[in-house]
Amino acid sequence: MLKIGLTGGIGCGKTTVSKIFDQLHIPIIDADEIAHQLVAVGQPALLEIEQAYGSGMLSSDGSLNRKKLRELIFSEP
Protein backbone atom coordinates (compact mmCIF):
# COMPACT_ATOMS: atom_id res chain seq x y z
CA MET A 1 0.00 0.00 0.00
CA LEU A 2 1.33 3.42 -0.96
CA LYS A 3 1.46 5.89 1.93
CA ILE A 4 1.80 9.64 1.40
CA GLY A 5 2.69 12.19 4.07
CA LEU A 6 1.49 15.74 3.52
CA THR A 7 3.73 18.33 5.14
CA GLY A 8 4.37 22.00 4.69
CA GLY A 9 3.80 25.45 6.03
CA ILE A 10 0.62 27.46 6.39
CA GLY A 11 -1.21 28.06 3.12
CA CYS A 12 0.75 25.54 1.04
CA GLY A 13 -2.27 23.40 0.10
CA LYS A 14 -2.26 20.51 2.57
CA THR A 15 -5.97 20.92 3.29
CA THR A 16 -6.81 21.13 -0.41
CA VAL A 17 -4.93 17.92 -1.18
CA SER A 18 -6.49 16.22 1.84
CA LYS A 19 -9.98 17.18 0.61
CA ILE A 20 -9.19 15.78 -2.84
CA PHE A 21 -8.06 12.51 -1.26
CA ASP A 22 -11.29 12.42 0.75
CA GLN A 23 -13.37 12.96 -2.40
CA LEU A 24 -11.52 10.05 -3.99
CA HIS A 25 -12.30 7.90 -0.90
CA ILE A 26 -8.63 7.64 -0.02
CA PRO A 27 -8.20 7.00 3.72
CA ILE A 28 -6.78 9.99 5.60
CA ILE A 29 -5.13 10.19 9.00
CA ASP A 30 -5.06 13.85 10.06
CA ALA A 31 -2.53 14.34 12.87
CA ASP A 32 -3.89 17.84 13.61
CA GLU A 33 -7.38 16.44 14.12
CA ILE A 34 -6.05 13.71 16.40
CA ALA A 35 -4.04 16.25 18.41
CA HIS A 36 -7.15 18.42 18.89
CA GLN A 37 -9.15 15.39 20.07
CA LEU A 38 -6.46 14.41 22.57
CA VAL A 39 -6.62 17.79 24.34
CA ALA A 40 -10.39 18.30 24.17
CA VAL A 41 -12.21 19.27 27.36
CA GLY A 42 -12.47 16.25 29.62
CA GLN A 43 -9.56 14.37 28.04
CA PRO A 44 -6.65 13.19 30.24
CA ALA A 45 -4.03 15.03 28.15
CA LEU A 46 -5.69 18.39 28.84
CA LEU A 47 -5.68 17.66 32.56
CA GLU A 48 -1.98 16.79 32.38
CA ILE A 49 -1.22 20.06 30.58
CA GLU A 50 -3.16 21.97 33.24
CA GLN A 51 -1.33 20.14 36.04
CA ALA A 52 2.07 20.76 34.46
CA TYR A 53 1.62 24.40 33.40
CA GLY A 54 -1.30 25.71 35.46
CA SER A 55 -4.85 26.75 34.75
CA GLY A 56 -3.52 29.73 32.78
CA MET A 57 -3.20 27.33 29.85
CA LEU A 58 -6.98 27.02 29.71
CA SER A 59 -9.46 29.38 28.10
CA SER A 60 -12.51 30.62 30.02
CA ASP A 61 -14.56 27.74 28.60
CA GLY A 62 -12.07 25.15 29.91
CA SER A 63 -10.56 24.37 26.52
CA LEU A 64 -6.85 24.52 25.77
CA ASN A 65 -5.57 28.03 25.15
CA ARG A 66 -3.35 27.09 22.22
CA LYS A 67 -1.90 30.57 21.87
CA LYS A 68 -0.63 30.62 25.47
CA LEU A 69 0.76 27.09 25.22
CA ARG A 70 2.45 27.92 21.90
CA GLU A 71 4.02 31.05 23.42
CA LEU A 72 5.30 29.02 26.37
CA ILE A 73 6.70 26.25 24.20
CA PHE A 74 8.50 28.57 21.80
CA SER A 75 9.75 31.02 24.45
CA GLU A 76 12.83 28.90 25.17
CA PRO A 77 15.17 27.17 22.71
PDB file of N, CA and C in Angstrom:
ATOM      1  N   MET A   1       0.849  -1.173   0.000  1.00  0.00           N
ATOM      2  CA  MET A   1       0.000   0.000   0.000  1.00  0.00           C
ATOM      3  C   MET A   1       0.894   1.237   0.000  1.00  0.00           C
ATOM      4  N   LEU A   2       0.612   2.148  -0.882  1.00  0.00           N
ATOM      5  CA  LEU A   2       1.330   3.416  -0.960  1.00  0.00           C
ATOM      6  C   LEU A   2       0.854   4.330   0.163  1.00  0.00           C
ATOM      7  N   LYS A   3       1.796   4.937   0.863  1.00  0.00           N
ATOM      8  CA  LYS A   3       1.464   5.893   1.926  1.00  0.00           C
ATOM      9  C   LYS A   3       2.104   7.222   1.584  1.00  0.00           C
ATOM     10  N   ILE A   4       1.336   8.298   1.732  1.00  0.00           N
ATOM     11  CA  ILE A   4       1.801   9.643   1.400  1.00  0.00           C
ATOM     12  C   ILE A   4       1.677  10.516   2.632  1.00  0.00           C
ATOM     13  N   GLY A   5       2.725  11.242   2.964  1.00  0.00           N
ATOM     14  CA  GLY A   5       2.687  12.189   4.075  1.00  0.00           C
ATOM     15  C   GLY A   5       2.623  13.603   3.534  1.00  0.00           C
ATOM     16  N   LEU A   6       1.611  14.353   3.942  1.00  0.00           N
ATOM     17  CA  LEU A   6       1.492  15.745   3.523  1.00  0.00           C
ATOM     18  C   LEU A   6       2.099  16.638   4.589  1.00  0.00           C
ATOM     19  N   THR A   7       3.100  17.395   4.217  1.00  0.00           N
ATOM     20  CA  THR A   7       3.730  18.327   5.143  1.00  0.00           C
ATOM     21  C   THR A   7       3.874  19.670   4.457  1.00  0.00           C
ATOM     22  N   GLY A   8       4.136  20.680   5.259  1.00  0.00           N
ATOM     23  CA  GLY A   8       4.373  22.000   4.692  1.00  0.00           C
ATOM     24  C   GLY A   8       3.850  23.091   5.592  1.00  0.00           C
ATOM     25  N   GLY A   9       4.179  24.285   5.245  1.00  0.00           N
ATOM     26  CA  GLY A   9       3.796  25.454   6.032  1.00  0.00           C
ATOM     27  C   GLY A   9       2.345  25.858   5.809  1.00  0.00           C
ATOM     28  N   ILE A  10       1.973  26.926   6.487  1.00  0.00           N
ATOM     29  CA  ILE A  10       0.616  27.465   6.393  1.00  0.00           C
ATOM     30  C   ILE A  10       0.361  27.934   4.961  1.00  0.00           C
ATOM     31  N   GLY A  11      -0.791  27.568   4.426  1.00  0.00           N
ATOM     32  CA  GLY A  11      -1.213  28.056   3.120  1.00  0.00           C
ATOM     33  C   GLY A  11      -0.561  27.359   1.934  1.00  0.00           C
ATOM     34  N   CYS A  12       0.057  26.196   2.147  1.00  0.00           N
ATOM     35  CA  CYS A  12       0.749  25.538   1.036  1.00  0.00           C
ATOM     36  C   CYS A  12      -0.132  24.530   0.299  1.00  0.00           C
ATOM     37  N   GLY A  13      -1.346  24.265   0.811  1.00  0.00           N
ATOM     38  CA  GLY A  13      -2.267  23.397   0.096  1.00  0.00           C
ATOM     39  C   GLY A  13      -2.520  22.036   0.710  1.00  0.00           C
ATOM     40  N   LYS A  14      -2.044  21.813   1.931  1.00  0.00           N
ATOM     41  CA  LYS A  14      -2.257  20.506   2.574  1.00  0.00           C
ATOM     42  C   LYS A  14      -3.738  20.182   2.694  1.00  0.00           C
ATOM     43  N   THR A  15      -4.532  21.143   3.121  1.00  0.00           N
ATOM     44  CA  THR A  15      -5.969  20.920   3.292  1.00  0.00           C
ATOM     45  C   THR A  15      -6.634  20.644   1.957  1.00  0.00           C
ATOM     46  N   THR A  16      -6.241  21.347   0.914  1.00  0.00           N
ATOM     47  CA  THR A  16      -6.806  21.131  -0.414  1.00  0.00           C
ATOM     48  C   THR A  16      -6.528  19.714  -0.896  1.00  0.00           C
ATOM     49  N   VAL A  17      -5.293  19.274  -0.762  1.00  0.00           N
ATOM     50  CA  VAL A  17      -4.925  17.917  -1.183  1.00  0.00           C
ATOM     51  C   VAL A  17      -5.677  16.886  -0.339  1.00  0.00           C
ATOM     52  N   SER A  18      -5.774  17.127   0.955  1.00  0.00           N
ATOM     53  CA  SER A  18      -6.488  16.215   1.836  1.00  0.00           C
ATOM     54  C   SER A  18      -7.960  16.097   1.419  1.00  0.00           C
ATOM     55  N   LYS A  19      -8.579  17.204   1.056  1.00  0.00           N
ATOM     56  CA  LYS A  19      -9.979  17.181   0.611  1.00  0.00           C
ATOM     57  C   LYS A  19     -10.127  16.399  -0.694  1.00  0.00           C
ATOM     58  N   ILE A  20      -9.163  16.543  -1.586  1.00  0.00           N
ATOM     59  CA  ILE A  20      -9.193  15.780  -2.841  1.00  0.00           C
ATOM     60  C   ILE A  20      -9.098  14.286  -2.540  1.00  0.00           C
ATOM     61  N   PHE A  21      -8.175  13.915  -1.655  1.00  0.00           N
ATOM     62  CA  PHE A  21      -8.059  12.509  -1.264  1.00  0.00           C
ATOM     63  C   PHE A  21      -9.380  12.006  -0.690  1.00  0.00           C
ATOM     64  N   ASP A  22     -10.010  12.812   0.145  1.00  0.00           N
ATOM     65  CA  ASP A  22     -11.289  12.418   0.746  1.00  0.00           C
ATOM     66  C   ASP A  22     -12.348  12.205  -0.329  1.00  0.00           C
ATOM     67  N   GLN A  23     -12.403  13.101  -1.301  1.00  0.00           N
ATOM     68  CA  GLN A  23     -13.373  12.964  -2.395  1.00  0.00           C
ATOM     69  C   GLN A  23     -13.129  11.691  -3.205  1.00  0.00           C
ATOM     70  N   LEU A  24     -11.875  11.265  -3.268  1.00  0.00           N
ATOM     71  CA  LEU A  24     -11.522  10.048  -3.993  1.00  0.00           C
ATOM     72  C   LEU A  24     -11.611   8.806  -3.102  1.00  0.00           C
ATOM     73  N   HIS A  25     -12.134   8.988  -1.880  1.00  0.00           N
ATOM     74  CA  HIS A  25     -12.302   7.901  -0.903  1.00  0.00           C
ATOM     75  C   HIS A  25     -10.972   7.262  -0.517  1.00  0.00           C
ATOM     76  N   ILE A  26      -9.943   8.088  -0.476  1.00  0.00           N
ATOM     77  CA  ILE A  26      -8.630   7.635  -0.024  1.00  0.00           C
ATOM     78  C   ILE A  26      -8.576   7.868   1.483  1.00  0.00           C
ATOM     79  N   PRO A  27      -8.248   6.837   2.254  1.00  0.00           N
ATOM     80  CA  PRO A  27      -8.200   6.998   3.724  1.00  0.00           C
ATOM     81  C   PRO A  27      -7.203   8.084   4.134  1.00  0.00           C
ATOM     82  N   ILE A  28      -7.599   8.871   5.124  1.00  0.00           N
ATOM     83  CA  ILE A  28      -6.779   9.990   5.601  1.00  0.00           C
ATOM     84  C   ILE A  28      -6.617   9.874   7.110  1.00  0.00           C
ATOM     85  N   ILE A  29      -5.398  10.061   7.571  1.00  0.00           N
ATOM     86  CA  ILE A  29      -5.134  10.194   8.998  1.00  0.00           C
ATOM     87  C   ILE A  29      -4.630  11.615   9.187  1.00  0.00           C
ATOM     88  N   ASP A  30      -5.397  12.437   9.865  1.00  0.00           N
ATOM     89  CA  ASP A  30      -5.059  13.847  10.065  1.00  0.00           C
ATOM     90  C   ASP A  30      -4.502  14.034  11.475  1.00  0.00           C
ATOM     91  N   ALA A  31      -3.188  14.208  11.568  1.00  0.00           N
ATOM     92  CA  ALA A  31      -2.530  14.338  12.872  1.00  0.00           C
ATOM     93  C   ALA A  31      -3.034  15.566  13.631  1.00  0.00           C
ATOM     94  N   ASP A  32      -3.360  16.646  12.931  1.00  0.00           N
ATOM     95  CA  ASP A  32      -3.890  17.839  13.606  1.00  0.00           C
ATOM     96  C   ASP A  32      -5.229  17.531  14.271  1.00  0.00           C
ATOM     97  N   GLU A  33      -6.067  16.806  13.561  1.00  0.00           N
ATOM     98  CA  GLU A  33      -7.377  16.444  14.121  1.00  0.00           C
ATOM     99  C   GLU A  33      -7.214  15.552  15.349  1.00  0.00           C
ATOM    100  N   ILE A  34      -6.304  14.599  15.265  1.00  0.00           N
ATOM    101  CA  ILE A  34      -6.054  13.711  16.399  1.00  0.00           C
ATOM    102  C   ILE A  34      -5.536  14.505  17.589  1.00  0.00           C
ATOM    103  N   ALA A  35      -4.605  15.429  17.337  1.00  0.00           N
ATOM    104  CA  ALA A  35      -4.044  16.247  18.415  1.00  0.00           C
ATOM    105  C   ALA A  35      -5.130  17.082  19.092  1.00  0.00           C
ATOM    106  N   HIS A  36      -6.049  17.632  18.314  1.00  0.00           N
ATOM    107  CA  HIS A  36      -7.152  18.416  18.893  1.00  0.00           C
ATOM    108  C   HIS A  36      -8.050  17.532  19.754  1.00  0.00           C
ATOM    109  N   GLN A  37      -8.314  16.312  19.298  1.00  0.00           N
ATOM    110  CA  GLN A  37      -9.155  15.394  20.068  1.00  0.00           C
ATOM    111  C   GLN A  37      -8.488  15.005  21.387  1.00  0.00           C
ATOM    112  N   LEU A  38      -7.173  14.835  21.362  1.00  0.00           N
ATOM    113  CA  LEU A  38      -6.455  14.414  22.567  1.00  0.00           C
ATOM    114  C   LEU A  38      -6.497  15.455  23.680  1.00  0.00           C
ATOM    115  N   VAL A  39      -6.612  16.731  23.312  1.00  0.00           N
ATOM    116  CA  VAL A  39      -6.620  17.786  24.336  1.00  0.00           C
ATOM    117  C   VAL A  39      -7.987  18.463  24.449  1.00  0.00           C
ATOM    118  N   ALA A  40      -9.030  17.760  24.019  1.00  0.00           N
ATOM    119  CA  ALA A  40     -10.386  18.297  24.166  1.00  0.00           C
ATOM    120  C   ALA A  40     -10.763  18.325  25.644  1.00  0.00           C
ATOM    121  N   VAL A  41     -11.736  19.165  25.978  1.00  0.00           N
ATOM    122  CA  VAL A  41     -12.213  19.274  27.357  1.00  0.00           C
ATOM    123  C   VAL A  41     -12.628  17.883  27.841  1.00  0.00           C
ATOM    124  N   GLY A  42     -12.138  17.530  29.019  1.00  0.00           N
ATOM    125  CA  GLY A  42     -12.467  16.248  29.616  1.00  0.00           C
ATOM    126  C   GLY A  42     -11.473  15.135  29.299  1.00  0.00           C
ATOM    127  N   GLN A  43     -10.537  15.392  28.403  1.00  0.00           N
ATOM    128  CA  GLN A  43      -9.557  14.368  28.043  1.00  0.00           C
ATOM    129  C   GLN A  43      -8.360  14.412  28.997  1.00  0.00           C
ATOM    130  N   PRO A  44      -7.765  13.258  29.290  1.00  0.00           N
ATOM    131  CA  PRO A  44      -6.646  13.193  30.236  1.00  0.00           C
ATOM    132  C   PRO A  44      -5.454  14.082  29.853  1.00  0.00           C
ATOM    133  N   ALA A  45      -5.182  14.219  28.568  1.00  0.00           N
ATOM    134  CA  ALA A  45      -4.028  15.028  28.149  1.00  0.00           C
ATOM    135  C   ALA A  45      -4.213  16.496  28.539  1.00  0.00           C
ATOM    136  N   LEU A  46      -5.437  16.997  28.449  1.00  0.00           N
ATOM    137  CA  LEU A  46      -5.693  18.386  28.836  1.00  0.00           C
ATOM    138  C   LEU A  46      -5.465  18.565  30.331  1.00  0.00           C
ATOM    139  N   LEU A  47      -5.897  17.609  31.110  1.00  0.00           N
ATOM    140  CA  LEU A  47      -5.675  17.663  32.559  1.00  0.00           C
ATOM    141  C   LEU A  47      -4.179  17.653  32.872  1.00  0.00           C
ATOM    142  N   GLU A  48      -3.424  16.841  32.156  1.00  0.00           N
ATOM    143  CA  GLU A  48      -1.981  16.788  32.378  1.00  0.00           C
ATOM    144  C   GLU A  48      -1.309  18.114  32.026  1.00  0.00           C
ATOM    145  N   ILE A  49      -1.763  18.751  30.955  1.00  0.00           N
ATOM    146  CA  ILE A  49      -1.218  20.063  30.583  1.00  0.00           C
ATOM    147  C   ILE A  49      -1.536  21.071  31.678  1.00  0.00           C
ATOM    148  N   GLU A  50      -2.762  21.053  32.174  1.00  0.00           N
ATOM    149  CA  GLU A  50      -3.160  21.969  33.239  1.00  0.00           C
ATOM    150  C   GLU A  50      -2.336  21.729  34.502  1.00  0.00           C
ATOM    151  N   GLN A  51      -2.117  20.463  34.848  1.00  0.00           N
ATOM    152  CA  GLN A  51      -1.331  20.144  36.040  1.00  0.00           C
ATOM    153  C   GLN A  51       0.127  20.575  35.881  1.00  0.00           C
ATOM    154  N   ALA A  52       0.664  20.425  34.697  1.00  0.00           N
ATOM    155  CA  ALA A  52       2.075  20.756  34.462  1.00  0.00           C
ATOM    156  C   ALA A  52       2.311  22.257  34.343  1.00  0.00           C
ATOM    157  N   TYR A  53       1.377  22.988  33.718  1.00  0.00           N
ATOM    158  CA  TYR A  53       1.617  24.396  33.403  1.00  0.00           C
ATOM    159  C   TYR A  53       0.634  25.362  34.057  1.00  0.00           C
ATOM    160  N   GLY A  54      -0.360  24.846  34.759  1.00  0.00           N
ATOM    161  CA  GLY A  54      -1.303  25.705  35.463  1.00  0.00           C
ATOM    162  C   GLY A  54      -2.560  25.988  34.666  1.00  0.00           C
ATOM    163  N   SER A  55      -3.546  26.495  35.374  1.00  0.00           N
ATOM    164  CA  SER A  55      -4.849  26.753  34.753  1.00  0.00           C
ATOM    165  C   SER A  55      -4.797  27.918  33.772  1.00  0.00           C
ATOM    166  N   GLY A  56      -3.690  28.652  33.758  1.00  0.00           N
ATOM    167  CA  GLY A  56      -3.521  29.726  32.778  1.00  0.00           C
ATOM    168  C   GLY A  56      -3.442  29.217  31.350  1.00  0.00           C
ATOM    169  N   MET A  57      -3.244  27.919  31.195  1.00  0.00           N
ATOM    170  CA  MET A  57      -3.196  27.335  29.855  1.00  0.00           C
ATOM    171  C   MET A  57      -4.583  27.017  29.318  1.00  0.00           C
ATOM    172  N   LEU A  58      -5.615  27.285  30.140  1.00  0.00           N
ATOM    173  CA  LEU A  58      -6.983  27.019  29.711  1.00  0.00           C
ATOM    174  C   LEU A  58      -7.715  28.319  29.401  1.00  0.00           C
ATOM    175  N   SER A  59      -8.593  28.254  28.426  1.00  0.00           N
ATOM    176  CA  SER A  59      -9.463  29.383  28.099  1.00  0.00           C
ATOM    177  C   SER A  59     -10.602  29.421  29.106  1.00  0.00           C
ATOM    178  N   SER A  60     -11.412  30.472  29.060  1.00  0.00           N
ATOM    179  CA  SER A  60     -12.507  30.622  30.023  1.00  0.00           C
ATOM    180  C   SER A  60     -13.529  29.489  29.924  1.00  0.00           C
ATOM    181  N   ASP A  61     -13.615  28.845  28.764  1.00  0.00           N
ATOM    182  CA  ASP A  61     -14.562  27.737  28.602  1.00  0.00           C
ATOM    183  C   ASP A  61     -13.957  26.386  28.986  1.00  0.00           C
ATOM    184  N   GLY A  62     -12.715  26.384  29.477  1.00  0.00           N
ATOM    185  CA  GLY A  62     -12.067  25.154  29.910  1.00  0.00           C
ATOM    186  C   GLY A  62     -11.278  24.446  28.826  1.00  0.00           C
ATOM    187  N   SER A  63     -11.313  24.980  27.612  1.00  0.00           N
ATOM    188  CA  SER A  63     -10.555  24.370  26.521  1.00  0.00           C
ATOM    189  C   SER A  63      -9.101  24.847  26.562  1.00  0.00           C
ATOM    190  N   LEU A  64      -8.258  24.171  25.820  1.00  0.00           N
ATOM    191  CA  LEU A  64      -6.848  24.522  25.768  1.00  0.00           C
ATOM    192  C   LEU A  64      -6.670  25.879  25.100  1.00  0.00           C
ATOM    193  N   ASN A  65      -5.909  26.752  25.754  1.00  0.00           N
ATOM    194  CA  ASN A  65      -5.565  28.033  25.153  1.00  0.00           C
ATOM    195  C   ASN A  65      -4.293  27.796  24.338  1.00  0.00           C
ATOM    196  N   ARG A  66      -4.473  27.462  23.082  1.00  0.00           N
ATOM    197  CA  ARG A  66      -3.353  27.086  22.216  1.00  0.00           C
ATOM    198  C   ARG A  66      -2.337  28.213  22.059  1.00  0.00           C
ATOM    199  N   LYS A  67      -2.817  29.438  22.027  1.00  0.00           N
ATOM    200  CA  LYS A  67      -1.905  30.570  21.873  1.00  0.00           C
ATOM    201  C   LYS A  67      -0.946  30.651  23.063  1.00  0.00           C
ATOM    202  N   LYS A  68      -1.478  30.548  24.275  1.00  0.00           N
ATOM    203  CA  LYS A  68      -0.627  30.618  25.469  1.00  0.00           C
ATOM    204  C   LYS A  68       0.352  29.454  25.527  1.00  0.00           C
ATOM    205  N   LEU A  69      -0.125  28.255  25.193  1.00  0.00           N
ATOM    206  CA  LEU A  69       0.756  27.092  25.219  1.00  0.00           C
ATOM    207  C   LEU A  69       1.850  27.233  24.161  1.00  0.00           C
ATOM    208  N   ARG A  70       1.474  27.709  22.978  1.00  0.00           N
ATOM    209  CA  ARG A  70       2.452  27.924  21.903  1.00  0.00           C
ATOM    210  C   ARG A  70       3.505  28.936  22.336  1.00  0.00           C
ATOM    211  N   GLU A  71       3.056  30.034  22.955  1.00  0.00           N
ATOM    212  CA  GLU A  71       4.018  31.045  23.422  1.00  0.00           C
ATOM    213  C   GLU A  71       4.972  30.471  24.450  1.00  0.00           C
ATOM    214  N   LEU A  72       4.459  29.653  25.357  1.00  0.00           N
ATOM    215  CA  LEU A  72       5.298  29.023  26.370  1.00  0.00           C
ATOM    216  C   LEU A  72       6.309  28.067  25.725  1.00  0.00           C
ATOM    217  N   ILE A  73       5.841  27.253  24.829  1.00  0.00           N
ATOM    218  CA  ILE A  73       6.702  26.245  24.202  1.00  0.00           C
ATOM    219  C   ILE A  73       7.823  26.901  23.413  1.00  0.00           C
ATOM    220  N   PHE A  74       7.518  27.949  22.680  1.00  0.00           N
ATOM    221  CA  PHE A  74       8.505  28.568  21.805  1.00  0.00           C
ATOM    222  C   PHE A  74       9.275  29.714  22.464  1.00  0.00           C
ATOM    223  N   SER A  75       9.051  29.937  23.765  1.00  0.00           N
ATOM    224  CA  SER A  75       9.754  31.023  24.445  1.00  0.00           C
ATOM    225  C   SER A  75      11.179  30.642  24.828  1.00  0.00           C
ATOM    226  N   GLU A  76      11.477  29.355  24.835  1.00  0.00           N
ATOM    227  CA  GLU A  76      12.829  28.897  25.169  1.00  0.00           C
ATOM    228  C   GLU A  76      13.318  27.954  24.075  1.00  0.00           C
ATOM    229  N   PRO A  77      14.624  28.014  23.782  1.00  0.00           N
ATOM    230  CA  PRO A  77      15.168  27.169  22.708  1.00  0.00           C
ATOM    231  C   PRO A  77      15.013  25.683  22.957  1.00  0.00           C
TER     232      PRO A  77
END
